[in-house]
C-alpha atoms as a PDB file:
ATOM      1  CA  MET A   1     134.624 105.018 148.949  1.00  0.00           C
ATOM      2  CA  LEU A   2     130.498 105.808 148.012  1.00  0.00           C
ATOM      3  CA  THR A   3     128.010 104.930 150.216  1.00  0.00           C
ATOM      4  CA  LEU A   4     124.943 103.331 149.673  1.00  0.00           C
ATOM      5  CA  MET A   5     123.009 106.373 150.445  1.00  0.00           C
ATOM      6  CA  SER A   6     124.884 108.735 147.694  1.00  0.00           C
ATOM      7  CA  MET A   7     124.035 105.816 144.854  1.00  0.00           C
ATOM      8  CA  LEU A   8     120.903 106.081 144.656  1.00  0.00           C
ATOM      9  CA  PRO A   9     118.184 108.533 143.664  1.00  0.00           C
ATOM     10  CA  LYS A  10     114.831 109.193 145.625  1.00  0.00           C
ATOM     11  CA  LEU A  11     112.065 107.701 143.043  1.00  0.00           C
ATOM     12  CA  ILE A  12     108.889 109.432 142.618  1.00  0.00           C
ATOM     13  CA  SER A  13     105.822 107.001 142.807  1.00  0.00           C
ATOM     14  CA  ALA A  14     104.291 105.839 139.977  1.00  0.00           C
ATOM     15  CA  PRO A  15     102.575 102.562 138.206  1.00  0.00           C
ATOM     16  CA  ASP A  16     105.832 101.374 136.750  1.00  0.00           C
ATOM     17  CA  LEU A  17     107.482 101.649 139.943  1.00  0.00           C
ATOM     18  CA  VAL A  18     109.226  98.346 140.202  1.00  0.00           C
ATOM     19  CA  ASP A  19     110.854  98.571 136.751  1.00  0.00           C
ATOM     20  CA  GLN A  20     112.009 102.231 137.970  1.00  0.00           C
ATOM     21  CA  VAL A  21     113.464 100.215 140.928  1.00  0.00           C
ATOM     22  CA  TYR A  22     114.891  97.742 138.685  1.00  0.00           C
ATOM     23  CA  ASP A  23     116.894  99.860 136.019  1.00  0.00           C
ATOM     24  CA  GLU A  24     118.333 101.973 138.757  1.00  0.00           C
ATOM     25  CA  LEU A  25     119.649  98.548 140.640  1.00  0.00           C
ATOM     26  CA  VAL A  26     120.709  97.880 136.929  1.00  0.00           C
ATOM     27  CA  LYS A  27     122.462 101.101 136.089  1.00  0.00           C
ATOM     28  CA  ALA A  28     124.133 100.700 139.821  1.00  0.00           C
ATOM     29  CA  ILE A  29     125.391  97.580 139.186  1.00  0.00           C
ATOM     30  CA  SER A  30     126.016  97.742 135.423  1.00  0.00           C
ATOM     31  CA  SER A  31     128.660 100.995 136.342  1.00  0.00           C
ATOM     32  CA  GLY A  32     130.132  99.238 139.616  1.00  0.00           C
ATOM     33  CA  ALA A  33     128.844 101.488 142.004  1.00  0.00           C
ATOM     34  CA  LEU A  34     127.314  98.414 143.539  1.00  0.00           C
ATOM     35  CA  ALA A  35     130.259  96.263 143.239  1.00  0.00           C
ATOM     36  CA  PRO A  36     130.386  92.677 143.094  1.00  0.00           C
ATOM     37  CA  ALA A  37     129.840  90.825 146.572  1.00  0.00           C
ATOM     38  CA  HIS A  38     128.281  94.179 147.936  1.00  0.00           C
ATOM     39  CA  ARG A  39     125.568  93.202 150.320  1.00  0.00           C
ATOM     40  CA  VAL A  40     122.064  94.832 150.692  1.00  0.00           C
ATOM     41  CA  THR A  41     118.692  94.688 152.168  1.00  0.00           C
ATOM     42  CA  GLN A  42     115.341  95.338 151.306  1.00  0.00           C
ATOM     43  CA  GLU A  43     114.574  97.646 154.033  1.00  0.00           C
ATOM     44  CA  GLN A  44     117.768  99.784 152.891  1.00  0.00           C
ATOM     45  CA  LEU A  45     116.858 100.107 149.311  1.00  0.00           C
ATOM     46  CA  ALA A  46     113.356 100.826 150.094  1.00  0.00           C
ATOM     47  CA  ALA A  47     114.493 103.348 152.077  1.00  0.00           C
ATOM     48  CA  GLN A  48     116.840 104.811 149.943  1.00  0.00           C
ATOM     49  CA  PHE A  49     114.540 104.781 147.326  1.00  0.00           C
ATOM     50  CA  ASP A  50     111.363 106.035 149.311  1.00  0.00           C
ATOM     51  CA  VAL A  51     109.706 103.496 148.320  1.00  0.00           C
ATOM     52  CA  SER A  52     107.637 100.685 150.156  1.00  0.00           C
ATOM     53  CA  ARG A  53     109.394  96.988 150.413  1.00  0.00           C
ATOM     54  CA  GLN A  54     106.695  95.903 147.719  1.00  0.00           C
ATOM     55  CA  PRO A  55     108.144  97.516 144.482  1.00  0.00           C
ATOM     56  CA  VAL A  56     112.075  96.669 145.994  1.00  0.00           C
ATOM     57  CA  LEU A  57     111.083  93.072 146.294  1.00  0.00           C
ATOM     58  CA  GLN A  58     109.880  92.582 143.151  1.00  0.00           C
ATOM     59  CA  ALA A  59     112.897  94.732 141.460  1.00  0.00           C
ATOM     60  CA  LEU A  60     115.337  92.074 143.396  1.00  0.00           C
ATOM     61  CA  ARG A  61     113.175  89.203 141.995  1.00  0.00           C
ATOM     62  CA  LEU A  62     113.639  90.265 138.359  1.00  0.00           C
ATOM     63  CA  LEU A  63     117.748  90.790 139.070  1.00  0.00           C
ATOM     64  CA  LYS A  64     117.644  87.051 140.799  1.00  0.00           C
ATOM     65  CA  ARG A  65     116.237  85.833 137.046  1.00  0.00           C
ATOM     66  CA  ASP A  66     118.828  88.056 135.171  1.00  0.00           C
ATOM     67  CA  GLY A  67     121.588  86.408 137.333  1.00  0.00           C
ATOM     68  CA  LEU A  68     122.968  90.221 138.554  1.00  0.00           C
ATOM     69  CA  VAL A  69     121.842  89.469 142.475  1.00  0.00           C
ATOM     70  CA  LEU A  70     122.229  86.184 144.705  1.00  0.00           C
ATOM     71  CA  ASP A  71     120.731  85.541 148.345  1.00  0.00           C
ATOM     72  CA  ALA A  72     123.499  86.490 150.403  1.00  0.00           C
ATOM     73  CA  PRO A  73     124.220  84.124 153.584  1.00  0.00           C
ATOM     74  CA  GLY A  74     121.958  84.528 155.957  1.00  0.00           C
ATOM     75  CA  ARG A  75     119.776  87.927 155.589  1.00  0.00           C
ATOM     76  CA  GLY A  76     119.671  90.272 152.423  1.00  0.00           C
ATOM     77  CA  ILE A  77     121.199  89.983 148.861  1.00  0.00           C
ATOM     78  CA  GLN A  78     124.685  90.554 147.102  1.00  0.00           C
ATOM     79  CA  ILE A  79     125.667  91.758 143.721  1.00  0.00           C
ATOM     80  CA  ALA A  80     126.219  88.319 141.675  1.00  0.00           C
ATOM     81  CA  PRO A  81     130.384  88.449 140.743  1.00  0.00           C
ATOM     82  CA  LEU A  82     131.298  88.578 137.377  1.00  0.00           C
ATOM     83  CA  GLU A  83     132.269  85.307 136.061  1.00  0.00           C
ATOM     84  CA  PRO A  84     134.098  84.281 132.789  1.00  0.00           C
ATOM     85  CA  LYS A  85     131.893  81.553 131.434  1.00  0.00           C
ATOM     86  CA  VAL A  86     128.701  83.568 131.883  1.00  0.00           C
ATOM     87  CA  ILE A  87     130.387  86.462 130.344  1.00  0.00           C
ATOM     88  CA  ASP A  88     131.442  83.864 127.419  1.00  0.00           C
ATOM     89  CA  TRP A  89     128.048  82.651 127.490  1.00  0.00           C
ATOM     90  CA  VAL A  90     126.676  86.037 126.702  1.00  0.00           C
ATOM     91  CA  TYR A  91     128.890  86.950 124.062  1.00  0.00           C
ATOM     92  CA  GLN A  92     127.911  83.696 122.580  1.00  0.00           C
ATOM     93  CA  LEU A  93     124.553  84.860 122.454  1.00  0.00           C
ATOM     94  CA  ARG A  94     125.078  88.678 121.308  1.00  0.00           C
ATOM     95  CA  SER A  95     127.423  86.951 118.416  1.00  0.00           C
ATOM     96  CA  ALA A  96     124.596  85.040 117.123  1.00  0.00           C
ATOM     97  CA  LEU A  97     121.935  87.558 116.923  1.00  0.00           C
ATOM     98  CA  ASP A  98     124.668  90.379 115.386  1.00  0.00           C
ATOM     99  CA  ALA A  99     124.801  87.988 112.856  1.00  0.00           C
ATOM    100  CA  LEU A 100     121.122  87.326 112.071  1.00  0.00           C
ATOM    101  CA  ALA A 101     120.676  91.140 112.291  1.00  0.00           C
ATOM    102  CA  ALA A 102     123.427  91.764 109.612  1.00  0.00           C
ATOM    103  CA  ALA A 103     122.302  89.561 107.472  1.00  0.00           C
ATOM    104  CA  LEU A 104     118.742  90.435 107.575  1.00  0.00           C
ATOM    105  CA  ALA A 105     119.593  94.371 107.452  1.00  0.00           C
ATOM    106  CA  ALA A 106     122.317  93.209 104.620  1.00  0.00           C
ATOM    107  CA  GLU A 107     119.129  91.473 102.430  1.00  0.00           C
ATOM    108  CA  GLN A 108     117.772  95.278 102.277  1.00  0.00           C
ATOM    109  CA  SER A 109     120.719  97.251 101.785  1.00  0.00           C
ATOM    110  CA  ILE A 110     120.231  99.481 104.812  1.00  0.00           C
ATOM    111  CA  ARG A 111     122.680 102.395 105.438  1.00  0.00           C
ATOM    112  CA  LEU A 112     123.171 102.610 109.407  1.00  0.00           C
ATOM    113  CA  ASP A 113     123.798 106.423 110.105  1.00  0.00           C
ATOM    114  CA  ALA A 114     127.443 107.172 109.605  1.00  0.00           C
ATOM    115  CA  ALA A 115     127.103 109.090 112.942  1.00  0.00           C
ATOM    116  CA  LEU A 116     127.300 105.974 114.797  1.00  0.00           C
ATOM    117  CA  ILE A 117     131.136 105.342 113.639  1.00  0.00           C
ATOM    118  CA  GLU A 118     132.397 108.734 114.130  1.00  0.00           C
ATOM    119  CA  SER A 119     130.827 109.255 118.079  1.00  0.00           C
ATOM    120  CA  GLY A 120     132.436 105.918 118.702  1.00  0.00           C
ATOM    121  CA  ARG A 121     135.703 107.041 117.254  1.00  0.00           C
ATOM    122  CA  HIS A 122     135.159 110.160 119.265  1.00  0.00           C
ATOM    123  CA  ALA A 123     134.282 108.623 122.307  1.00  0.00           C
ATOM    124  CA  ALA A 124     137.356 105.764 121.810  1.00  0.00           C
ATOM    125  CA  SER A 125     140.164 108.972 120.759  1.00  0.00           C
ATOM    126  CA  ALA A 126     138.876 110.872 124.287  1.00  0.00           C
ATOM    127  CA  LYS A 127     139.127 107.184 126.319  1.00  0.00           C
ATOM    128  CA  ASP A 128     135.866 108.251 127.542  1.00  0.00           C
ATOM    129  CA  LEU A 129     134.537 105.211 128.868  1.00  0.00           C
ATOM    130  CA  SER A 130     130.686 106.242 129.533  1.00  0.00           C
ATOM    131  CA  ALA A 131     130.525 107.529 126.266  1.00  0.00           C
ATOM    132  CA  LEU A 132     132.581 104.667 124.519  1.00  0.00           C
ATOM    133  CA  ILE A 133     130.310 102.107 126.423  1.00  0.00           C
ATOM    134  CA  ASP A 134     127.166 104.045 125.432  1.00  0.00           C
ATOM    135  CA  ALA A 135     128.259 104.209 121.606  1.00  0.00           C
ATOM    136  CA  ASP A 136     128.559 100.713 121.430  1.00  0.00           C
ATOM    137  CA  MET A 137     125.599  99.879 122.595  1.00  0.00           C
ATOM    138  CA  ALA A 138     123.706 102.773 120.249  1.00  0.00           C
ATOM    139  CA  PHE A 139     125.883 100.875 117.471  1.00  0.00           C
ATOM    140  CA  HIS A 140     124.234  97.467 117.719  1.00  0.00           C
ATOM    141  CA  HIS A 141     120.781  98.544 119.047  1.00  0.00           C
ATOM    142  CA  ALA A 142     120.662 100.340 115.349  1.00  0.00           C
ATOM    143  CA  LEU A 143     121.911  96.872 113.748  1.00  0.00           C
ATOM    144  CA  TYR A 144     119.225  95.137 115.546  1.00  0.00           C
ATOM    145  CA  GLU A 145     116.342  97.710 114.646  1.00  0.00           C
ATOM    146  CA  ALA A 146     117.844  97.527 111.214  1.00  0.00           C
ATOM    147  CA  SER A 147     117.402  93.756 110.786  1.00  0.00           C
ATOM    148  CA  GLY A 148     113.473  94.298 110.998  1.00  0.00           C
ATOM    149  CA  ASN A 149     112.965  91.786 113.352  1.00  0.00           C
ATOM    150  CA  PRO A 150     111.739  92.963 116.524  1.00  0.00           C
ATOM    151  CA  LEU A 151     112.405  90.048 118.382  1.00  0.00           C
ATOM    152  CA  ILE A 152     116.356  90.596 117.909  1.00  0.00           C
ATOM    153  CA  LEU A 153     116.166  93.458 119.837  1.00  0.00           C
ATOM    154  CA  SER A 154     114.262  92.308 123.211  1.00  0.00           C
ATOM    155  CA  SER A 155     116.195  89.414 123.220  1.00  0.00           C
ATOM    156  CA  ALA A 156     119.310  91.357 123.171  1.00  0.00           C
ATOM    157  CA  LYS A 157     118.303  93.860 125.804  1.00  0.00           C
ATOM    158  CA  MET A 158     117.737  91.087 128.278  1.00  0.00           C
ATOM    159  CA  HIS A 159     121.754  90.817 128.449  1.00  0.00           C
ATOM    160  CA  TRP A 160     122.950  94.033 127.639  1.00  0.00           C
ATOM    161  CA  CYS A 161     123.329  94.474 131.227  1.00  0.00           C
ATOM    162  CA  HIS A 162     125.976  91.730 131.566  1.00  0.00           C
ATOM    163  CA  ILE A 163     127.828  93.266 128.771  1.00  0.00           C
ATOM    164  CA  ARG A 164     127.691  96.918 130.024  1.00  0.00           C
ATOM    165  CA  ARG A 165     128.724  95.799 133.430  1.00  0.00           C
ATOM    166  CA  VAL A 166     131.849  93.895 132.422  1.00  0.00           C
ATOM    167  CA  MET A 167     132.883  96.566 130.068  1.00  0.00           C
ATOM    168  CA  GLY A 168     132.465  98.941 132.600  1.00  0.00           C
ATOM    169  CA  ALA A 169     134.563  96.617 134.745  1.00  0.00           C
ATOM    170  CA  VAL A 170     137.739  95.644 132.959  1.00  0.00           C
ATOM    171  CA  LEU A 171     137.911  98.675 130.245  1.00  0.00           C
ATOM    172  CA  HIS A 172     140.014 101.836 130.959  1.00  0.00           C
ATOM    173  CA  GLY A 173     142.080 104.304 128.734  1.00  0.00           C
ATOM    174  CA  ASP A 174     145.072 101.436 128.572  1.00  0.00           C
ATOM    175  CA  SER A 175     142.696  98.544 127.508  1.00  0.00           C
ATOM    176  CA  LEU A 176     140.529  99.529 124.719  1.00  0.00           C
ATOM    177  CA  ARG A 177     140.556  97.506 121.866  1.00  0.00           C
ATOM    178  CA  CYS A 178     141.655  99.335 119.535  1.00  0.00           C
ATOM    179  CA  ASN A 179     139.958  98.165 116.253  1.00  0.00           C
ATOM    180  CA  VAL A 180     136.374  97.519 117.444  1.00  0.00           C
ATOM    181  CA  TRP A 181     134.928 100.712 115.329  1.00  0.00           C
ATOM    182  CA  ASP A 182     137.199  99.374 112.345  1.00  0.00           C
ATOM    183  CA  GLU A 183     135.075  96.273 112.528  1.00  0.00           C
ATOM    184  CA  HIS A 184     131.891  98.133 113.040  1.00  0.00           C
ATOM    185  CA  GLU A 185     132.558 100.238 110.160  1.00  0.00           C
ATOM    186  CA  ALA A 186     133.254  96.890 108.320  1.00  0.00           C
ATOM    187  CA  ILE A 187     130.348  95.573 108.841  1.00  0.00           C
ATOM    188  CA  ALA A 188     128.260  98.691 108.280  1.00  0.00           C
ATOM    189  CA  GLU A 189     129.703  98.666 104.878  1.00  0.00           C
ATOM    190  CA  ALA A 190     128.853  95.179 104.321  1.00  0.00           C
ATOM    191  CA  VAL A 191     125.295  95.678 105.265  1.00  0.00           C
ATOM    192  CA  ALA A 192     124.725  98.814 102.910  1.00  0.00           C
ATOM    193  CA  ALA A 193     126.256  97.108  99.928  1.00  0.00           C
ATOM    194  CA  GLY A 194     123.866  94.039 100.603  1.00  0.00           C
ATOM    195  CA  ASP A 195     126.722  91.096 101.297  1.00  0.00           C
ATOM    196  CA  VAL A 196     124.596  89.163 103.541  1.00  0.00           C
ATOM    197  CA  ASN A 197     127.193  86.376 104.092  1.00  0.00           C
ATOM    198  CA  LEU A 198     130.137  89.026 104.742  1.00  0.00           C
ATOM    199  CA  ALA A 199     127.901  91.285 106.837  1.00  0.00           C
ATOM    200  CA  SER A 200     126.816  87.989 109.157  1.00  0.00           C
ATOM    201  CA  THR A 201     130.227  86.543 109.181  1.00  0.00           C
ATOM    202  CA  LEU A 202     132.547  90.019 110.281  1.00  0.00           C
ATOM    203  CA  SER A 203     129.511  90.052 113.077  1.00  0.00           C
ATOM    204  CA  GLN A 204     130.513  86.706 114.500  1.00  0.00           C
ATOM    205  CA  GLY A 205     134.248  87.623 114.184  1.00  0.00           C
ATOM    206  CA  HIS A 206     133.404  90.750 115.641  1.00  0.00           C
ATOM    207  CA  GLY A 207     131.525  88.957 118.633  1.00  0.00           C
ATOM    208  CA  ARG A 208     134.193  86.048 118.861  1.00  0.00           C
ATOM    209  CA  ALA A 209     137.061  88.709 119.617  1.00  0.00           C
ATOM    210  CA  ALA A 210     135.216  91.187 122.024  1.00  0.00           C
ATOM    211  CA  SER A 211     134.201  87.521 123.865  1.00  0.00           C
ATOM    212  CA  GLU A 212     138.231  86.963 123.768  1.00  0.00           C
ATOM    213  CA  PHE A 213     138.846  90.242 124.743  1.00  0.00           C
ATOM    214  CA  MET A 214     136.576  90.780 127.649  1.00  0.00           C
ATOM    215  CA  ILE A 215     137.371  87.577 129.367  1.00  0.00           C
ATOM    216  CA  GLN A 216     141.364  87.879 129.443  1.00  0.00           C
ATOM    217  CA  GLN A 217     140.800  91.448 130.651  1.00  0.00           C
ATOM    218  CA  LEU A 218     138.431  89.844 133.242  1.00  0.00           C
ATOM    219  CA  LEU A 219     140.930  87.180 134.581  1.00  0.00           C
ATOM    220  CA  GLU A 220     143.548  89.083 134.461  1.00  0.00           C
ATOM    221  CA  LYS A 221     141.891  91.820 136.818  1.00  0.00           C
ATOM    222  CA  GLU A 222     140.829  89.144 139.061  1.00  0.00           C
ATOM    223  CA  ILE A 223     144.822  88.076 139.530  1.00  0.00           C
ATOM    224  CA  SER A 224     145.129  91.497 139.865  1.00  0.00           C
ATOM    225  CA  ASP A 225     142.814  92.312 143.073  1.00  0.00           C
ATOM    226  CA  GLU A 226     144.047  89.028 144.269  1.00  0.00           C
ATOM    227  CA  THR A 227     147.692  89.982 144.237  1.00  0.00           C
ATOM    228  CA  ASP A 228     146.592  93.696 145.716  1.00  0.00           C
ATOM    229  CA  ALA A 229     144.303  91.954 148.484  1.00  0.00           C
ATOM    230  CA  ALA A 230     147.541  89.631 149.639  1.00  0.00           C
ATOM    231  CA  ALA A 231     149.619  92.508 149.645  1.00  0.00           C
ATOM    232  CA  ILE A 232     147.320  94.340 151.980  1.00  0.00           C
ATOM    233  CA  GLY A 233     146.800  91.235 154.313  1.00  0.00           C
ATOM    234  CA  ALA A 234     150.774  90.990 154.235  1.00  0.00           C
ATOM    235  CA  ILE A 235     151.194  94.071 155.507  1.00  0.00           C
END
């Protein structure tokens, strides 16, 4: 099992030190290196990052705001659980943003880079989860930029950590939704064709399908984890 000392890098002091601590902790939480219910203290984190407690304190406040950490009973903080209801809320918002972005991009008949689809298909074929998550994020990022509305991108970024986190937690080689990149390609084609209604409808449907799939996988994982825990307890 990885220890906290092997998870997190030392950071170089800079004016944006709070952002650095925040970003590294988001990465560790999203990847599962800091798993749900994992407990840490400000002192541990400050020592690991080789910084004072102040930027750690500020970063933890931001993580609490984002729903990624909670106050632990007694002392310290713990990583927040992955809750199906929260994931449902996040995907509801993402679906709305995707539909708006696709419609705005379609009004301009924007052509998204075909390499976005190619890289996603390659990652899916190779069952490279890390590359697959990056490709998925890149496609949606490109769609938001194509919309021409910078507020869509900034709004979506607030919740990407939750989506990346649930994808990392529940997806593996045998649990990939095989038609994801067909859906992405269809959205891109509708946008390029200037079909506003179709682009919006496809984006909303894509979000709903992703949400249902992720939540089902998360619930199955919870049942599996409980079964494993019960089996261990019976030994």
